[in-house]
Amino acid sequence: METLVERKQTSFRLPLDLINRLRAEAQKEHRSLNNYVESLLTSAVRRIPNETTLAAIREAETSEDLETLDIDHLKEYIASL
C-alpha cells in the first residue's frame, strides 16, 4: 500500500550556477531536479534533533547519576542486556 504525501508547489530564487550544479548532481543519480532538492532538504531537516532528543542530550551532559561502563567487561555487559 502506498502512502500519499501532500505536496505544495512553491518557488525559490536561486543563483543560476547553483541550479546548474544541482541539475548535474541530480542527473548523476538519475533523479529529477525536484526529487534531488527535496531529498537534500529532507536530510538537512532530519539532522535537527527533536525536543525529546534535546532533553536527553541535556540530561546526559548535566546528570551526575550516570552509570559508568567498565570496558574490561563490555562483552559480559552486552550479554546481560
N, C-alpha and C. Protein backbone atom coordinates (compact mmCIF):
# COMPACT_ATOMS: atom_id res chain seq x y z
N MET A 1 0.84 -1.18 0.00
CA MET A 1 0.00 0.00 0.00
C MET A 1 0.89 1.24 0.00
N GLU A 2 0.59 2.16 -0.86
CA GLU A 2 1.39 3.38 -0.99
C GLU A 2 0.75 4.51 -0.19
N THR A 3 1.58 5.24 0.52
CA THR A 3 1.10 6.38 1.29
C THR A 3 1.29 7.65 0.46
N LEU A 4 0.23 8.42 0.34
CA LEU A 4 0.32 9.66 -0.41
C LEU A 4 0.84 10.77 0.49
N VAL A 5 1.77 11.55 -0.03
CA VAL A 5 2.33 12.67 0.69
C VAL A 5 1.76 13.93 0.07
N GLU A 6 1.14 14.75 0.89
CA GLU A 6 0.60 16.00 0.38
C GLU A 6 1.76 16.94 0.01
N ARG A 7 1.67 17.50 -1.17
CA ARG A 7 2.73 18.39 -1.64
C ARG A 7 2.13 19.74 -2.01
N LYS A 8 2.94 20.77 -1.89
CA LYS A 8 2.52 22.12 -2.26
C LYS A 8 3.59 22.70 -3.17
N GLN A 9 3.19 23.19 -4.31
CA GLN A 9 4.13 23.80 -5.23
C GLN A 9 4.59 25.14 -4.67
N THR A 10 5.88 25.38 -4.79
CA THR A 10 6.45 26.64 -4.33
C THR A 10 7.59 27.02 -5.26
N SER A 11 8.10 28.20 -5.10
CA SER A 11 9.24 28.60 -5.93
C SER A 11 10.29 29.30 -5.07
N PHE A 12 11.52 29.18 -5.51
CA PHE A 12 12.66 29.81 -4.85
C PHE A 12 13.48 30.51 -5.91
N ARG A 13 14.14 31.56 -5.52
CA ARG A 13 15.10 32.22 -6.40
C ARG A 13 16.48 31.77 -5.97
N LEU A 14 17.15 31.07 -6.86
CA LEU A 14 18.49 30.56 -6.57
C LEU A 14 19.45 31.03 -7.65
N PRO A 15 20.72 31.18 -7.31
CA PRO A 15 21.72 31.56 -8.32
C PRO A 15 21.77 30.50 -9.44
N LEU A 16 21.93 30.96 -10.65
CA LEU A 16 21.93 30.06 -11.80
C LEU A 16 23.02 29.00 -11.70
N ASP A 17 24.20 29.38 -11.20
CA ASP A 17 25.28 28.38 -11.08
C ASP A 17 24.90 27.28 -10.08
N LEU A 18 24.17 27.63 -9.03
CA LEU A 18 23.73 26.63 -8.07
C LEU A 18 22.71 25.69 -8.71
N ILE A 19 21.78 26.23 -9.45
CA ILE A 19 20.78 25.40 -10.13
C ILE A 19 21.47 24.45 -11.10
N ASN A 20 22.45 24.95 -11.83
CA ASN A 20 23.18 24.09 -12.77
C ASN A 20 23.92 22.97 -12.05
N ARG A 21 24.53 23.28 -10.92
CA ARG A 21 25.23 22.25 -10.14
C ARG A 21 24.24 21.22 -9.60
N LEU A 22 23.10 21.70 -9.11
CA LEU A 22 22.08 20.78 -8.60
C LEU A 22 21.55 19.87 -9.71
N ARG A 23 21.32 20.45 -10.90
CA ARG A 23 20.85 19.64 -12.03
C ARG A 23 21.87 18.56 -12.39
N ALA A 24 23.15 18.94 -12.40
CA ALA A 24 24.20 17.98 -12.74
C ALA A 24 24.26 16.84 -11.72
N GLU A 25 24.15 17.18 -10.43
CA GLU A 25 24.18 16.15 -9.39
C GLU A 25 22.94 15.25 -9.48
N ALA A 26 21.80 15.85 -9.76
CA ALA A 26 20.56 15.07 -9.91
C ALA A 26 20.69 14.10 -11.08
N GLN A 27 21.25 14.58 -12.17
CA GLN A 27 21.41 13.75 -13.36
C GLN A 27 22.35 12.58 -13.08
N LYS A 28 23.41 12.82 -12.31
CA LYS A 28 24.33 11.73 -11.96
C LYS A 28 23.61 10.61 -11.22
N GLU A 29 22.61 10.98 -10.43
CA GLU A 29 21.86 9.99 -9.65
C GLU A 29 20.58 9.55 -10.34
N HIS A 30 20.42 9.95 -11.61
CA HIS A 30 19.24 9.59 -12.40
C HIS A 30 17.95 9.99 -11.69
N ARG A 31 17.94 11.23 -11.19
CA ARG A 31 16.78 11.75 -10.47
C ARG A 31 16.38 13.08 -11.08
N SER A 32 15.15 13.47 -10.83
CA SER A 32 14.72 14.79 -11.27
C SER A 32 15.33 15.84 -10.35
N LEU A 33 15.41 17.05 -10.85
CA LEU A 33 15.91 18.15 -10.02
C LEU A 33 15.04 18.30 -8.78
N ASN A 34 13.73 18.25 -8.96
CA ASN A 34 12.81 18.39 -7.83
C ASN A 34 13.06 17.31 -6.77
N ASN A 35 13.17 16.06 -7.21
CA ASN A 35 13.38 14.96 -6.28
C ASN A 35 14.71 15.10 -5.56
N TYR A 36 15.73 15.51 -6.28
CA TYR A 36 17.06 15.65 -5.69
C TYR A 36 17.07 16.74 -4.62
N VAL A 37 16.52 17.91 -4.95
CA VAL A 37 16.48 19.02 -4.00
C VAL A 37 15.61 18.66 -2.79
N GLU A 38 14.49 17.99 -3.02
CA GLU A 38 13.63 17.58 -1.91
C GLU A 38 14.38 16.65 -0.97
N SER A 39 15.15 15.71 -1.51
CA SER A 39 15.90 14.79 -0.66
C SER A 39 16.99 15.51 0.13
N LEU A 40 17.64 16.50 -0.49
CA LEU A 40 18.65 17.28 0.23
C LEU A 40 18.03 18.06 1.39
N LEU A 41 16.89 18.69 1.13
CA LEU A 41 16.22 19.47 2.18
C LEU A 41 15.71 18.57 3.30
N THR A 42 15.17 17.41 2.93
CA THR A 42 14.69 16.46 3.94
C THR A 42 15.83 15.99 4.83
N SER A 43 16.97 15.68 4.23
CA SER A 43 18.14 15.25 5.01
C SER A 43 18.61 16.34 5.96
N ALA A 44 18.59 17.57 5.48
CA ALA A 44 19.04 18.69 6.32
C ALA A 44 18.12 18.88 7.51
N VAL A 45 16.84 18.75 7.31
CA VAL A 45 15.88 18.94 8.40
C VAL A 45 15.93 17.79 9.40
N ARG A 46 16.19 16.59 8.92
CA ARG A 46 16.25 15.42 9.83
C ARG A 46 17.42 15.49 10.79
N ARG A 47 18.45 16.26 10.45
CA ARG A 47 19.61 16.38 11.33
C ARG A 47 19.32 17.24 12.56
N ILE A 48 18.23 17.97 12.53
CA ILE A 48 17.88 18.83 13.66
C ILE A 48 17.18 17.96 14.71
N PRO A 49 17.76 17.82 15.91
CA PRO A 49 17.14 16.95 16.92
C PRO A 49 15.81 17.50 17.42
N ASN A 50 14.87 16.57 17.70
CA ASN A 50 13.58 16.99 18.24
C ASN A 50 13.72 17.27 19.74
N GLU A 51 12.65 17.73 20.37
CA GLU A 51 12.71 18.15 21.77
C GLU A 51 13.07 16.99 22.71
N THR A 52 12.58 15.78 22.43
CA THR A 52 12.91 14.62 23.26
C THR A 52 14.41 14.33 23.22
N THR A 53 14.97 14.38 22.02
CA THR A 53 16.41 14.14 21.87
C THR A 53 17.22 15.23 22.56
N LEU A 54 16.80 16.48 22.39
CA LEU A 54 17.50 17.58 23.06
C LEU A 54 17.46 17.42 24.58
N ALA A 55 16.31 16.99 25.12
CA ALA A 55 16.20 16.79 26.57
C ALA A 55 17.15 15.68 27.02
N ALA A 56 17.25 14.61 26.24
CA ALA A 56 18.15 13.50 26.59
C ALA A 56 19.61 13.97 26.55
N ILE A 57 19.95 14.79 25.58
CA ILE A 57 21.31 15.32 25.48
C ILE A 57 21.63 16.18 26.70
N ARG A 58 20.68 17.06 27.06
CA ARG A 58 20.90 17.93 28.22
C ARG A 58 21.06 17.09 29.50
N GLU A 59 20.24 16.05 29.63
CA GLU A 59 20.32 15.20 30.81
C GLU A 59 21.67 14.50 30.88
N ALA A 60 22.13 14.00 29.75
CA ALA A 60 23.42 13.31 29.72
C ALA A 60 24.57 14.25 30.03
N GLU A 61 24.45 15.49 29.60
CA GLU A 61 25.52 16.46 29.84
C GLU A 61 25.55 16.96 31.28
N THR A 62 24.42 16.96 31.97
CA THR A 62 24.35 17.57 33.30
C THR A 62 24.15 16.59 34.44
N SER A 63 23.75 15.37 34.14
CA SER A 63 23.43 14.42 35.20
C SER A 63 24.69 13.88 35.88
N GLU A 64 24.60 13.78 37.19
CA GLU A 64 25.70 13.18 37.94
C GLU A 64 25.40 11.74 38.31
N ASP A 65 24.20 11.26 37.92
CA ASP A 65 23.78 9.90 38.25
C ASP A 65 23.97 8.94 37.09
N LEU A 66 24.85 9.25 36.18
CA LEU A 66 25.06 8.38 35.02
C LEU A 66 25.89 7.17 35.43
N GLU A 67 25.55 6.03 34.80
CA GLU A 67 26.33 4.82 35.04
C GLU A 67 27.65 4.92 34.31
N THR A 68 28.67 4.27 34.85
CA THR A 68 29.92 4.17 34.12
C THR A 68 30.02 2.77 33.55
N LEU A 69 30.60 2.68 32.41
CA LEU A 69 30.72 1.40 31.72
C LEU A 69 32.13 0.88 31.87
N ASP A 70 32.25 -0.31 32.42
CA ASP A 70 33.55 -0.95 32.59
C ASP A 70 33.92 -1.62 31.27
N ILE A 71 34.80 -1.03 30.51
CA ILE A 71 35.18 -1.52 29.19
C ILE A 71 35.78 -2.92 29.27
N ASP A 72 36.44 -3.23 30.36
CA ASP A 72 37.06 -4.55 30.50
C ASP A 72 36.01 -5.67 30.54
N HIS A 73 34.77 -5.33 30.91
CA HIS A 73 33.71 -6.33 31.00
C HIS A 73 32.57 -6.02 30.03
N LEU A 74 32.89 -5.41 28.90
CA LEU A 74 31.89 -4.97 27.94
C LEU A 74 31.09 -6.15 27.38
N LYS A 75 31.75 -7.23 27.01
CA LYS A 75 31.04 -8.38 26.44
C LYS A 75 30.04 -8.95 27.45
N GLU A 76 30.43 -9.03 28.70
CA GLU A 76 29.51 -9.52 29.74
C GLU A 76 28.31 -8.58 29.89
N TYR A 77 28.60 -7.28 29.84
CA TYR A 77 27.53 -6.29 29.96
C TYR A 77 26.53 -6.45 28.81
N ILE A 78 27.04 -6.55 27.58
CA ILE A 78 26.15 -6.70 26.42
C ILE A 78 25.35 -7.99 26.52
N ALA A 79 25.95 -9.05 26.95
CA ALA A 79 25.24 -10.33 27.10
C ALA A 79 24.15 -10.24 28.15
N SER A 80 24.32 -9.37 29.13
CA SER A 80 23.32 -9.27 30.19
C SER A 80 22.10 -8.45 29.79
N LEU A 81 22.19 -7.76 28.68
CA LEU A 81 21.07 -6.92 28.23
C LEU A 81 19.93 -7.70 27.71
